[in-house]
Amino acid sequence: MFSMRSYLALLAVLAPSSLLSAQSLLFHVDGYSASDDFGTSVAPVGDVNGDGRLDFLVGAPREFGAGTARLLSGIGGAELQRFTGSNIDDRFGHAVAGAGDVDGDGVPDIVVGAPDADSGGTESGLIRVFSGRSYAEIRTIDGQTPNDFFGRAVDGGHDANGDGFDDLLVGAPGEFGTGTAYAISGRDGATIWRWNGDAIGDEFGGSVAFAGDVDGDGYADAAIGAHLNDSGGTDSGRVRVFSGRTGSELYTVDGSTFDDRFGFCVRAAGDVDRDGIPDLIVGAPIEFGVGTVYLLAGRTGAVLRRLTGDDLGDRFGHAVSALGDLDLDGYADYVVGAPEDDNNGAQSGSVRVFSGRLGLELRTWNGAAADDQFGFDVAGVDVDDDGFADIVAGVPFSDVGGPESGRVSVYDLGRTGVPARVEFFGNACAGSNGHLPRIDHRGRPVLGRSMDLLLRGARASSPALLSLGMRQDFPLDGLGFTGCRSLALIGGTFLSSATNANGMAALNGIPVPAAPYLVGAAVACQWVVIDLGANAGGATASNGLELVLGS
């Protein structure tokens, strides 16, 4: 147990003194030349260059003929690195994602799909994984047979097998005719699970997403879309959710009627219904002719809410993304792209932000010109470090840099206040099992509520301590803990636990005081695990997690 008095005293020391505000349009970044299609895909990556701002990826699958993916800084969109495909018509950059930390160096990495690459046969496809630290290629994984389209969809940043390394999801919607999806080890590129579609032509794997831990077993689960599945009528669509731990199917949700294309886009939504389990957001961009978006309960797949587009042909739900809690009501909010909306000309496109609690529209932006297809892809990335997600919108057919050169636009919603937030930082040191102990959480540090602090990837059945203190980064090699670093100031508060047979531990129901003066207080957390075989010091340490208390 821990002392509430010392816990409160620690938070009081770390409390700040001011609130933040922001404006609307932050910046645009344009494609370099005609037919680049820059903005076809967008994705958050994390802080790659260590400047304290979150960076993001943008795909341009026709640039130079082979395609590119550009890593852009959260500060003004400056280009940090451009990754280029190998061969003409590979469509490298059709899909991009933050890979999480696949190599265990504490810096987020990058995955890019090239679904039309021919390395395993015509349009077999491939993915390439790059280091966020050096930008060097970590590995390439090729599709197996012609027309697999391996890499049509990618996701990362979650640990499916509990080894402490972030893993990948990859869709191959043409494989075997039905489509497949893979969970791939970030540590070594090995296949963890392969899931197959139900019927020929389903395009299972056309969209993939880590759903978070929807079954509460401590492992990240997977949601796979099959937007041409016929279970609810021709091309009605389907989403299937699988356990990361066992690979078994947890549940299936089908589209309602023919040609809905339910599952064209699927993403983790955050906790929309406040039951402590992450939920899903699914696009059905042809339903009713206008397009719809579904919020699904992560625990069961039950429909929480359905939102419908405005006009025929809008393709509302072509792209969706979670945003976190923008309006500070305790519910996760989200953004939806409708790239063929006609508000500023035919297929000019639109992007709309919605409240998770009530489904009310919080903000709409419209594309600038006909055929731009503003909102072709969308993502939430806090580029200005105010604690609220900003909107990154892909505009792949913008003509500003030349016909269909493309553009990405970044907007701030102008929110003020100090939202509760979390940030992972630093890197873990390997245990005797070769795994990396990783810290995680359930819930957010909202005043007056509670949250859970979790551990995975550690040595099984071992004592574990959670250190709470001020953020630091101090090497421990000289004390015998080779490769380990102290990330939470020793001398703060310690909470005790022990790992189970799977190397996991949890401290549940840690209270966040309901004291207004603590808004903005930052607390660093780190697990230390007894592991006599790991190093001379006999212990390993996780990466760090910083909690910023807020509304």
Protein backbone atom coordinates (compact mmCIF):
# COMPACT_ATOMS: atom_id res chain seq x y z
CA MET A 1 0.00 0.00 0.00
CA PHE A 2 1.02 3.61 -0.31
CA SER A 3 0.71 6.76 1.73
CA MET A 4 -1.98 9.12 0.44
CA ARG A 5 -0.31 11.96 2.34
CA SER A 6 3.01 11.49 0.51
CA TYR A 7 1.17 11.02 -2.77
CA LEU A 8 -0.69 14.34 -2.35
CA ALA A 9 2.48 16.12 -1.28
CA LEU A 10 4.30 14.87 -4.35
CA LEU A 11 1.51 16.09 -6.66
CA ALA A 12 1.41 19.51 -5.01
CA VAL A 13 5.11 20.06 -5.72
CA LEU A 14 4.60 19.24 -9.39
CA ALA A 15 1.52 21.42 -10.07
CA PRO A 16 1.88 24.15 -12.77
CA SER A 17 0.32 27.57 -12.91
CA SER A 18 -1.20 28.36 -16.32
CA LEU A 19 -3.64 27.25 -19.00
CA LEU A 20 -3.08 27.02 -22.73
CA SER A 21 -5.04 28.13 -25.78
CA ALA A 22 -4.68 27.79 -29.56
CA GLN A 23 -5.98 28.92 -32.94
CA SER A 24 -7.72 27.09 -35.83
CA LEU A 25 -5.59 26.50 -38.95
CA LEU A 26 -2.05 25.64 -37.91
CA PHE A 27 -0.40 24.91 -41.26
CA HIS A 28 -0.62 23.24 -44.68
CA VAL A 29 2.03 21.08 -46.32
CA ASP A 30 1.80 20.56 -50.09
CA GLY A 31 2.90 17.82 -52.42
CA TYR A 32 5.96 18.59 -54.49
CA SER A 33 4.72 17.84 -57.99
CA ALA A 34 1.79 16.73 -60.13
CA SER A 35 0.22 13.32 -59.46
CA ASP A 36 2.02 12.73 -56.14
CA ASP A 37 -1.31 12.15 -54.34
CA PHE A 38 0.34 13.44 -51.18
CA GLY A 39 -2.16 13.03 -48.33
CA THR A 40 -3.59 9.66 -49.40
CA SER A 41 -2.70 8.38 -45.94
CA VAL A 42 -1.87 10.14 -42.67
CA ALA A 43 -0.91 8.75 -39.26
CA PRO A 44 0.54 9.83 -35.90
CA VAL A 45 3.99 8.53 -35.04
CA GLY A 46 5.00 10.06 -31.71
CA ASP A 47 7.91 12.37 -30.94
CA VAL A 48 10.61 11.00 -33.23
CA ASN A 49 13.16 13.81 -33.04
CA GLY A 50 12.88 14.51 -29.30
CA ASP A 51 11.75 18.13 -29.55
CA GLY A 52 8.69 17.60 -27.37
CA ARG A 53 6.18 17.76 -30.25
CA LEU A 54 4.38 14.82 -31.82
CA ASP A 55 5.31 14.08 -35.43
CA PHE A 56 3.27 12.42 -38.17
CA LEU A 57 3.50 10.49 -41.44
CA VAL A 58 1.96 11.34 -44.81
CA GLY A 59 1.82 8.95 -47.76
CA ALA A 60 2.22 10.01 -51.39
CA PRO A 61 1.85 6.69 -53.25
CA ARG A 62 2.52 8.07 -56.75
CA GLU A 63 5.45 10.39 -56.02
CA PHE A 64 8.43 9.49 -58.27
CA GLY A 65 6.23 6.73 -59.67
CA ALA A 66 7.12 4.34 -56.83
CA GLY A 67 5.59 6.33 -53.97
CA THR A 68 6.93 7.98 -50.84
CA ALA A 69 6.11 8.49 -47.18
CA ARG A 70 7.15 11.76 -45.58
CA LEU A 71 7.83 12.11 -41.86
CA LEU A 72 6.79 15.63 -40.83
CA SER A 73 7.57 17.55 -37.68
CA GLY A 74 4.76 18.66 -35.44
CA ILE A 75 6.40 22.09 -35.50
CA GLY A 76 5.15 23.63 -38.74
CA GLY A 77 5.23 20.40 -40.76
CA ALA A 78 8.95 20.58 -41.60
CA GLU A 79 10.15 17.45 -43.38
CA LEU A 80 12.27 15.26 -41.11
CA GLN A 81 12.72 12.39 -43.55
CA ARG A 82 11.35 11.12 -46.84
CA PHE A 83 11.14 7.34 -47.38
CA THR A 84 10.94 6.23 -51.01
CA GLY A 85 9.59 3.12 -52.69
CA SER A 86 11.77 0.86 -54.80
CA ASN A 87 9.93 0.35 -58.08
CA ILE A 88 7.43 2.13 -60.32
CA ASP A 89 3.78 1.47 -59.39
CA ASP A 90 4.58 -0.07 -55.98
CA ARG A 91 2.22 2.46 -54.34
CA PHE A 92 4.64 2.77 -51.46
CA GLY A 93 2.89 5.05 -48.95
CA HIS A 94 -0.63 3.87 -49.73
CA ALA A 95 -0.76 2.96 -46.04
CA VAL A 96 1.34 4.42 -43.21
CA ALA A 97 1.35 4.01 -39.44
CA GLY A 98 3.34 4.66 -36.34
CA ALA A 99 4.89 1.30 -35.51
CA GLY A 100 5.46 1.99 -31.85
CA ASP A 101 8.87 0.99 -30.53
CA VAL A 102 9.69 -2.25 -32.38
CA ASP A 103 13.44 -2.24 -31.68
CA GLY A 104 13.33 -1.30 -27.99
CA ASP A 105 15.44 1.86 -28.25
CA GLY A 106 12.80 4.15 -26.76
CA VAL A 107 12.12 6.03 -30.02
CA PRO A 108 8.91 5.42 -32.02
CA ASP A 109 9.37 3.66 -35.35
CA ILE A 110 7.56 3.74 -38.70
CA VAL A 111 5.80 1.24 -40.98
CA VAL A 112 4.87 1.86 -44.61
CA GLY A 113 2.82 -0.37 -46.91
CA ALA A 114 3.41 -0.81 -50.66
CA PRO A 115 0.50 -3.08 -51.66
CA ASP A 116 1.27 -3.14 -55.40
CA ALA A 117 4.95 -4.13 -55.08
CA ASP A 118 5.90 -7.21 -57.10
CA SER A 119 8.65 -8.78 -54.97
CA GLY A 120 6.59 -11.91 -54.24
CA GLY A 121 4.74 -11.87 -57.57
CA THR A 122 2.67 -9.26 -59.39
CA GLU A 123 1.03 -6.98 -56.81
CA SER A 124 1.99 -9.29 -53.97
CA GLY A 125 2.81 -6.25 -51.86
CA LEU A 126 5.21 -5.54 -49.01
CA ILE A 127 5.78 -3.51 -45.88
CA ARG A 128 8.95 -1.77 -44.75
CA VAL A 129 9.73 -0.87 -41.15
CA PHE A 130 12.07 2.04 -40.38
CA SER A 131 13.87 3.17 -37.25
CA GLY A 132 12.63 6.44 -35.83
CA ARG A 133 16.07 7.09 -34.35
CA SER A 134 18.23 6.63 -37.46
CA TYR A 135 15.62 6.31 -40.26
CA ALA A 136 17.44 3.14 -41.34
CA GLU A 137 15.35 0.25 -42.57
CA ILE A 138 14.81 -2.34 -39.83
CA ARG A 139 13.19 -4.95 -42.07
CA THR A 140 11.10 -5.62 -45.16
CA ILE A 141 8.35 -8.23 -45.23
CA ASP A 142 7.02 -9.34 -48.61
CA GLY A 143 3.64 -10.66 -49.65
CA GLN A 144 3.69 -14.33 -50.62
CA THR A 145 1.82 -14.65 -53.91
CA PRO A 146 0.50 -12.49 -56.78
CA ASN A 147 -2.46 -10.24 -56.03
CA ASP A 148 -2.14 -10.52 -52.24
CA PHE A 149 -1.90 -6.71 -51.90
CA PHE A 150 -0.02 -7.28 -48.65
CA GLY A 151 0.40 -3.86 -47.00
CA ARG A 152 -2.89 -2.38 -48.20
CA ALA A 153 -3.55 -1.58 -44.53
CA VAL A 154 -1.12 -1.32 -41.60
CA ASP A 155 -1.23 -0.46 -37.91
CA GLY A 156 1.22 -0.58 -35.01
CA GLY A 157 2.05 0.70 -31.57
CA HIS A 158 0.59 -2.14 -29.48
CA ASP A 159 1.95 -5.32 -27.96
CA ALA A 160 -0.05 -8.38 -29.08
CA ASN A 161 2.13 -11.11 -27.58
CA GLY A 162 3.25 -9.57 -24.29
CA ASP A 163 7.01 -9.52 -24.95
CA GLY A 164 7.33 -5.77 -24.37
CA PHE A 165 8.02 -4.96 -28.04
CA ASP A 166 5.32 -3.25 -30.08
CA ASP A 167 3.88 -5.39 -32.86
CA LEU A 168 2.29 -4.77 -36.26
CA LEU A 169 -0.96 -5.52 -38.04
CA VAL A 170 -0.92 -5.92 -41.82
CA GLY A 171 -3.80 -6.53 -44.23
CA ALA A 172 -3.50 -8.54 -47.45
CA PRO A 173 -7.05 -8.28 -48.83
CA GLY A 174 -6.35 -10.31 -51.98
CA GLU A 175 -4.60 -13.32 -50.42
CA PHE A 176 -6.37 -16.64 -51.14
CA GLY A 177 -9.13 -14.59 -52.77
CA THR A 178 -10.76 -14.03 -49.38
CA GLY A 179 -8.13 -11.78 -47.88
CA THR A 180 -5.95 -12.25 -44.81
CA ALA A 181 -4.61 -10.19 -41.93
CA TYR A 182 -1.39 -10.74 -40.01
CA ALA A 183 -0.21 -9.91 -36.53
CA ILE A 184 3.56 -9.60 -36.88
CA SER A 185 6.16 -9.45 -34.12
CA GLY A 186 7.89 -6.10 -33.93
CA ARG A 187 10.82 -7.79 -32.25
CA ASP A 188 11.81 -10.17 -35.08
CA GLY A 189 9.22 -9.91 -37.88
CA ALA A 190 7.80 -13.38 -37.22
CA THR A 191 4.10 -14.03 -37.78
CA ILE A 192 2.23 -14.17 -34.48
CA TRP A 193 -1.20 -14.84 -36.02
CA ARG A 194 -2.68 -15.11 -39.48
CA TRP A 195 -6.42 -14.68 -39.85
CA ASN A 196 -8.28 -15.62 -43.04
CA GLY A 197 -11.37 -14.10 -44.59
CA ASP A 198 -14.67 -15.96 -44.85
CA ALA A 199 -15.44 -15.96 -48.58
CA ILE A 200 -13.97 -15.13 -51.96
CA GLY A 201 -14.10 -11.42 -52.68
CA ASP A 202 -14.55 -10.27 -49.06
CA GLU A 203 -11.33 -8.21 -49.07
CA PHE A 204 -10.77 -9.19 -45.46
CA GLY A 205 -7.78 -7.14 -44.32
CA GLY A 206 -8.73 -4.09 -46.34
CA SER A 207 -8.61 -2.25 -43.01
CA VAL A 208 -6.86 -3.25 -39.79
CA ALA A 209 -6.56 -1.68 -36.35
CA PHE A 210 -5.27 -2.51 -32.93
CA ALA A 211 -8.42 -2.22 -30.84
CA GLY A 212 -6.68 -2.00 -27.50
CA ASP A 213 -7.35 -4.58 -24.80
CA VAL A 214 -11.07 -5.20 -25.32
CA ASP A 215 -11.25 -8.48 -23.36
CA GLY A 216 -9.25 -7.34 -20.33
CA ASP A 217 -6.48 -9.95 -20.49
CA GLY A 218 -3.62 -7.45 -20.79
CA TYR A 219 -2.88 -8.08 -24.47
CA ALA A 220 -3.71 -5.81 -27.42
CA ASP A 221 -6.52 -7.18 -29.59
CA ALA A 222 -7.13 -6.69 -33.32
CA ALA A 223 -10.06 -5.46 -35.43
CA ILE A 224 -10.11 -6.45 -39.11
CA GLY A 225 -12.47 -5.07 -41.75
CA ALA A 226 -13.91 -7.01 -44.71
CA HIS A 227 -15.95 -4.33 -46.45
CA LEU A 228 -17.10 -6.56 -49.33
CA ASN A 229 -18.37 -9.42 -47.17
CA ASP A 230 -21.93 -10.45 -48.11
CA SER A 231 -23.32 -11.66 -44.75
CA GLY A 232 -25.85 -8.81 -44.53
CA GLY A 233 -26.34 -8.57 -48.30
CA THR A 234 -23.99 -8.11 -51.24
CA ASP A 235 -21.01 -5.99 -50.16
CA SER A 236 -22.67 -5.21 -46.82
CA GLY A 237 -19.35 -5.61 -45.04
CA ARG A 238 -18.11 -7.08 -41.78
CA VAL A 239 -15.69 -6.40 -38.91
CA ARG A 240 -14.14 -9.25 -36.92
CA VAL A 241 -12.32 -8.75 -33.62
CA PHE A 242 -9.60 -11.17 -32.48
CA SER A 243 -7.71 -11.82 -29.26
CA GLY A 244 -4.07 -10.80 -29.36
CA ARG A 245 -3.22 -13.42 -26.74
CA THR A 246 -4.87 -16.50 -28.27
CA GLY A 247 -5.70 -15.42 -31.83
CA SER A 248 -9.28 -16.59 -31.35
CA GLU A 249 -12.23 -14.60 -32.65
CA LEU A 250 -13.94 -12.56 -29.94
CA TYR A 251 -16.93 -11.35 -31.96
CA THR A 252 -18.16 -10.34 -35.41
CA VAL A 253 -20.26 -7.33 -36.43
CA ASP A 254 -21.98 -7.32 -39.85
CA GLY A 255 -23.17 -4.52 -42.07
CA SER A 256 -26.93 -4.01 -42.20
CA THR A 257 -27.79 -4.01 -45.90
CA PHE A 258 -26.28 -4.52 -49.35
CA ASP A 259 -23.54 -2.17 -50.48
CA ASP A 260 -22.96 -0.61 -47.04
CA ARG A 261 -19.20 -1.37 -47.22
CA PHE A 262 -19.20 -1.60 -43.43
CA GLY A 263 -15.59 -2.03 -42.29
CA PHE A 264 -14.05 0.01 -45.10
CA CYS A 265 -12.28 1.86 -42.31
CA VAL A 266 -11.88 0.69 -38.72
CA ARG A 267 -10.00 2.38 -35.89
CA ALA A 268 -9.69 2.30 -32.13
CA ALA A 269 -12.01 4.98 -30.73
CA GLY A 270 -10.88 5.32 -27.14
CA ASP A 271 -13.38 4.81 -24.34
CA VAL A 272 -16.58 6.33 -25.71
CA ASP A 273 -19.02 4.82 -23.21
CA ARG A 274 -16.82 5.15 -20.10
CA ASP A 275 -16.91 1.49 -19.17
CA GLY A 276 -13.12 1.28 -18.91
CA ILE A 277 -12.79 -0.74 -22.14
CA PRO A 278 -11.61 0.84 -25.42
CA ASP A 279 -14.25 1.04 -28.15
CA LEU A 280 -14.20 0.94 -31.96
CA ILE A 281 -15.20 3.35 -34.72
CA VAL A 282 -16.15 1.85 -38.08
CA GLY A 283 -16.91 3.52 -41.39
CA ALA A 284 -19.57 2.30 -43.86
CA PRO A 285 -19.11 4.99 -46.54
CA ILE A 286 -21.80 3.78 -48.98
CA GLU A 287 -24.62 3.02 -46.49
CA PHE A 288 -27.85 4.83 -47.47
CA GLY A 289 -25.84 6.30 -50.33
CA VAL A 290 -24.42 9.00 -48.04
CA GLY A 291 -22.25 6.95 -45.70
CA THR A 292 -22.44 6.18 -41.99
CA VAL A 293 -20.15 5.78 -39.02
CA TYR A 294 -20.70 3.32 -36.18
CA LEU A 295 -19.38 3.45 -32.64
CA LEU A 296 -19.11 -0.10 -31.29
CA ALA A 297 -18.63 -1.18 -27.68
CA GLY A 298 -15.19 -2.72 -27.48
CA ARG A 299 -16.32 -5.32 -24.97
CA THR A 300 -19.18 -6.79 -27.02
CA GLY A 301 -19.39 -5.12 -30.41
CA ALA A 302 -22.81 -3.68 -29.59
CA VAL A 303 -23.72 -0.51 -31.49
CA LEU A 304 -23.36 2.54 -29.24
CA ARG A 305 -24.22 5.14 -31.88
CA ARG A 306 -24.70 5.54 -35.61
CA LEU A 307 -24.04 8.80 -37.42
CA THR A 308 -25.14 9.42 -41.00
CA GLY A 309 -23.75 11.70 -43.69
CA ASP A 310 -25.73 14.55 -45.24
CA ASP A 311 -26.00 13.97 -48.98
CA LEU A 312 -25.81 11.20 -51.54
CA GLY A 313 -22.29 10.40 -52.63
CA ASP A 314 -20.52 12.10 -49.69
CA ARG A 315 -18.69 8.91 -48.62
CA PHE A 316 -19.07 9.95 -45.00
CA GLY A 317 -17.00 7.42 -43.04
CA HIS A 318 -14.34 6.90 -45.71
CA ALA A 319 -11.87 7.85 -42.95
CA VAL A 320 -12.23 7.94 -39.16
CA SER A 321 -9.96 8.56 -36.19
CA ALA A 322 -10.03 8.91 -32.43
CA LEU A 323 -9.25 12.30 -30.87
CA GLY A 324 -9.33 11.76 -27.13
CA ASP A 325 -11.52 13.93 -24.92
CA LEU A 326 -11.66 17.34 -26.59
CA ASP A 327 -14.56 18.83 -24.65
CA LEU A 328 -13.43 17.53 -21.24
CA ASP A 329 -16.69 15.70 -20.52
CA GLY A 330 -14.92 12.41 -19.83
CA TYR A 331 -15.85 10.75 -23.14
CA ALA A 332 -13.57 10.14 -26.12
CA ASP A 333 -14.38 12.23 -29.22
CA TYR A 334 -13.65 11.45 -32.88
CA VAL A 335 -13.26 12.83 -36.40
CA VAL A 336 -14.82 11.65 -39.68
CA GLY A 337 -13.77 12.34 -43.26
CA ALA A 338 -16.28 12.63 -46.14
CA PRO A 339 -13.99 13.19 -49.13
CA GLU A 340 -16.73 13.39 -51.76
CA ASP A 341 -18.86 15.96 -49.94
CA ASP A 342 -19.81 18.77 -52.35
CA ASN A 343 -20.03 21.80 -50.05
CA ASN A 344 -17.36 23.76 -51.97
CA GLY A 345 -17.70 22.04 -55.31
CA ALA A 346 -18.06 18.46 -56.49
CA GLN A 347 -15.99 16.13 -54.28
CA SER A 348 -14.36 19.01 -52.46
CA GLY A 349 -14.69 16.99 -49.25
CA SER A 350 -15.29 17.74 -45.59
CA VAL A 351 -14.03 16.81 -42.12
CA ARG A 352 -16.33 16.76 -39.09
CA VAL A 353 -15.56 16.39 -35.38
CA PHE A 354 -18.11 14.78 -33.05
CA SER A 355 -18.66 14.49 -29.33
CA GLY A 356 -18.31 10.95 -28.03
CA ARG A 357 -20.87 11.48 -25.30
CA LEU A 358 -23.83 12.77 -27.33
CA GLY A 359 -22.76 12.50 -30.96
CA LEU A 360 -23.10 16.24 -31.42
CA GLU A 361 -21.07 17.92 -34.12
CA LEU A 362 -18.33 20.06 -32.59
CA ARG A 363 -16.72 21.44 -35.75
CA THR A 364 -16.77 21.10 -39.57
CA TRP A 365 -14.18 22.08 -42.16
CA ASN A 366 -14.84 21.99 -45.91
CA GLY A 367 -12.43 21.37 -48.74
CA ALA A 368 -11.19 24.36 -50.69
CA ALA A 369 -11.96 23.33 -54.25
CA ALA A 370 -13.77 20.80 -56.38
CA ASP A 371 -12.13 17.36 -56.67
CA ASP A 372 -9.68 17.97 -53.79
CA GLN A 373 -11.23 15.15 -51.71
CA PHE A 374 -10.36 16.87 -48.44
CA GLY A 375 -10.72 14.30 -45.64
CA PHE A 376 -9.58 11.31 -47.71
CA ASP A 377 -7.73 10.28 -44.56
CA VAL A 378 -7.76 11.84 -41.07
CA ALA A 379 -5.80 11.51 -37.85
CA GLY A 380 -5.62 13.10 -34.42
CA VAL A 381 -2.15 14.37 -33.47
CA ASP A 382 -1.34 16.90 -30.74
CA VAL A 383 1.23 18.85 -32.75
CA ASP A 384 1.14 22.02 -30.65
CA ASP A 385 1.52 20.27 -27.27
CA ASP A 386 -1.55 21.84 -25.67
CA GLY A 387 -2.87 18.46 -24.54
CA PHE A 388 -5.67 18.34 -27.12
CA ALA A 389 -5.53 16.40 -30.38
CA ASP A 390 -5.21 18.50 -33.51
CA ILE A 391 -6.78 17.42 -36.81
CA VAL A 392 -4.56 16.19 -39.63
CA ALA A 393 -6.53 15.90 -42.88
CA GLY A 394 -5.27 14.43 -46.13
CA VAL A 395 -6.19 16.21 -49.38
CA PRO A 396 -4.54 13.96 -51.99
CA PHE A 397 -6.02 15.59 -55.10
CA SER A 398 -5.32 19.20 -54.24
CA ASP A 399 -3.73 21.05 -57.16
CA VAL A 400 -1.75 23.68 -55.24
CA GLY A 401 1.60 22.07 -56.07
CA GLY A 402 0.45 20.85 -59.48
CA PRO A 403 -2.50 18.73 -60.64
CA GLU A 404 -3.25 16.15 -57.94
CA SER A 405 -0.02 16.96 -56.14
CA GLY A 406 -1.87 16.73 -52.83
CA ARG A 407 -1.82 18.49 -49.51
CA VAL A 408 -2.14 17.86 -45.80
CA SER A 409 -3.88 20.41 -43.57
CA VAL A 410 -3.52 20.64 -39.79
CA TYR A 411 -6.12 22.33 -37.59
CA ASP A 412 -6.46 23.18 -33.92
CA LEU A 413 -9.89 23.22 -32.30
CA GLY A 414 -9.09 26.18 -30.07
CA ARG A 415 -9.73 24.33 -26.82
CA THR A 416 -8.47 25.74 -23.53
CA GLY A 417 -7.83 24.13 -20.20
CA VAL A 418 -5.55 21.37 -19.01
CA PRO A 419 -6.82 17.95 -20.09
CA ALA A 420 -5.68 14.80 -18.35
CA ARG A 421 -3.05 13.11 -20.50
CA VAL A 422 -0.32 10.52 -20.51
CA GLU A 423 3.06 10.28 -22.24
CA PHE A 424 5.36 7.30 -22.55
CA PHE A 425 9.06 8.15 -22.47
CA GLY A 426 12.47 6.55 -22.14
CA ASN A 427 13.31 2.93 -22.81
CA ALA A 428 13.24 -0.30 -20.84
CA CYS A 429 16.11 -2.71 -20.17
CA ALA A 430 15.74 -6.36 -21.14
CA GLY A 431 15.03 -9.06 -18.60
CA SER A 432 16.48 -12.55 -18.41
CA ASN A 433 13.67 -13.76 -20.71
CA GLY A 434 14.79 -11.37 -23.47
CA HIS A 435 11.59 -9.37 -23.12
CA LEU A 436 11.24 -5.69 -22.32
CA PRO A 437 9.19 -4.76 -19.23
CA ARG A 438 6.70 -2.12 -20.36
CA ILE A 439 4.48 0.19 -18.37
CA ASP A 440 0.88 0.79 -19.48
CA HIS A 441 -2.36 2.22 -18.11
CA ARG A 442 -6.13 2.00 -18.13
CA GLY A 443 -8.06 5.21 -17.70
CA ARG A 444 -6.69 8.74 -17.51
CA PRO A 445 -5.49 10.89 -14.59
CA VAL A 446 -8.72 12.88 -14.29
CA LEU A 447 -9.22 14.66 -10.97
CA GLY A 448 -11.52 12.74 -8.67
CA ARG A 449 -11.35 9.47 -10.58
CA SER A 450 -9.06 6.46 -10.46
CA MET A 451 -6.86 4.68 -12.95
CA ASP A 452 -4.90 1.45 -13.30
CA LEU A 453 -1.16 1.21 -13.87
CA LEU A 454 -0.05 -1.95 -15.65
CA LEU A 455 3.11 -3.91 -16.43
CA ARG A 456 3.79 -6.45 -19.17
CA GLY A 457 6.85 -8.22 -20.61
CA ALA A 458 8.56 -8.75 -17.25
CA ARG A 459 9.92 -11.89 -15.66
CA ALA A 460 7.12 -14.14 -14.45
CA SER A 461 6.22 -14.55 -10.78
CA SER A 462 8.57 -11.84 -9.53
CA PRO A 463 8.30 -8.93 -7.08
CA ALA A 464 7.63 -5.60 -8.77
CA LEU A 465 7.68 -2.03 -7.50
CA LEU A 466 6.10 1.00 -9.13
CA SER A 467 8.05 4.21 -8.54
CA LEU A 468 6.22 7.56 -8.62
CA GLY A 469 8.21 10.77 -8.71
CA MET A 470 9.61 13.56 -10.82
CA ARG A 471 10.62 12.77 -14.38
CA GLN A 472 14.32 12.17 -14.88
CA ASP A 473 16.67 10.08 -17.01
CA PHE A 474 19.61 8.70 -15.04
CA PRO A 475 21.76 5.75 -16.24
CA LEU A 476 22.13 2.84 -13.81
CA ASP A 477 24.94 0.93 -15.55
CA GLY A 478 27.42 1.93 -12.87
CA LEU A 479 25.29 0.23 -10.24
CA GLY A 480 25.22 -3.06 -12.14
CA PHE A 481 21.86 -2.57 -13.88
CA THR A 482 23.24 -2.76 -17.42
CA GLY A 483 21.22 -0.78 -19.95
CA CYS A 484 18.72 0.38 -17.31
CA ARG A 485 17.78 3.96 -16.52
CA SER A 486 15.98 5.60 -13.62
CA LEU A 487 13.07 7.56 -15.13
CA ALA A 488 11.08 8.46 -11.98
CA LEU A 489 12.98 10.19 -9.20
CA ILE A 490 13.95 7.71 -6.50
CA GLY A 491 12.77 8.88 -3.08
CA GLY A 492 9.20 9.48 -4.17
CA THR A 493 6.35 7.03 -3.58
CA PHE A 494 6.60 3.26 -4.17
CA LEU A 495 3.71 0.88 -4.74
CA SER A 496 4.34 -2.86 -4.48
CA SER A 497 3.00 -5.69 -6.60
CA ALA A 498 4.15 -8.93 -8.25
CA THR A 499 4.03 -10.32 -11.78
CA ASN A 500 1.84 -13.26 -12.71
CA ALA A 501 2.76 -16.33 -14.78
CA ASN A 502 2.60 -14.19 -17.96
CA GLY A 503 4.97 -11.52 -16.65
CA MET A 504 2.17 -9.02 -16.04
CA ALA A 505 1.21 -6.94 -13.02
CA ALA A 506 -1.47 -4.38 -12.25
CA LEU A 507 -2.17 -1.80 -9.59
CA ASN A 508 -5.87 -1.08 -9.96
CA GLY A 509 -7.95 1.78 -8.67
CA ILE A 510 -5.16 4.24 -7.90
CA PRO A 511 -7.04 7.40 -6.85
CA VAL A 512 -6.50 10.76 -8.49
CA PRO A 513 -7.27 13.43 -5.87
CA ALA A 514 -10.15 15.81 -6.59
CA ALA A 515 -8.05 18.86 -5.75
CA PRO A 516 -8.31 21.73 -8.30
CA TYR A 517 -4.83 23.05 -7.40
CA LEU A 518 -3.38 19.81 -8.81
CA VAL A 519 -4.58 20.50 -12.35
CA GLY A 520 -1.52 20.17 -14.57
CA ALA A 521 0.61 18.36 -12.00
CA ALA A 522 2.93 15.88 -13.70
CA VAL A 523 3.97 12.57 -12.13
CA ALA A 524 6.45 10.13 -13.65
CA CYS A 525 5.94 6.38 -13.15
CA GLN A 526 8.28 3.43 -13.72
CA TRP A 527 8.21 -0.26 -12.83
CA VAL A 528 11.22 -2.03 -11.31
CA VAL A 529 11.16 -5.85 -11.35
CA ILE A 530 13.40 -8.26 -9.45
CA ASP A 531 15.17 -10.41 -12.08
CA LEU A 532 18.40 -11.92 -10.75
CA GLY A 533 19.45 -13.28 -14.13
CA ALA A 534 19.07 -10.03 -16.03
CA ASN A 535 22.25 -8.25 -14.89
CA ALA A 536 24.65 -7.92 -11.97
CA GLY A 537 22.20 -5.68 -10.10
CA GLY A 538 19.48 -8.32 -10.25
CA ALA A 539 16.62 -6.14 -11.51
CA THR A 540 15.14 -4.66 -14.66
CA ALA A 541 13.25 -1.42 -15.21
CA SER A 542 10.44 -0.46 -17.55
CA ASN A 543 10.10 2.56 -19.75
CA GLY A 544 8.50 5.63 -18.16
CA LEU A 545 4.96 6.98 -18.12
CA GLU A 546 4.23 10.61 -17.29
CA LEU A 547 0.77 11.44 -15.97
CA VAL A 548 -0.50 15.00 -16.29
CA LEU A 549 -3.50 15.53 -14.00
CA GLY A 550 -6.40 17.40 -15.49
CA SER A 551 -10.09 17.73 -16.21
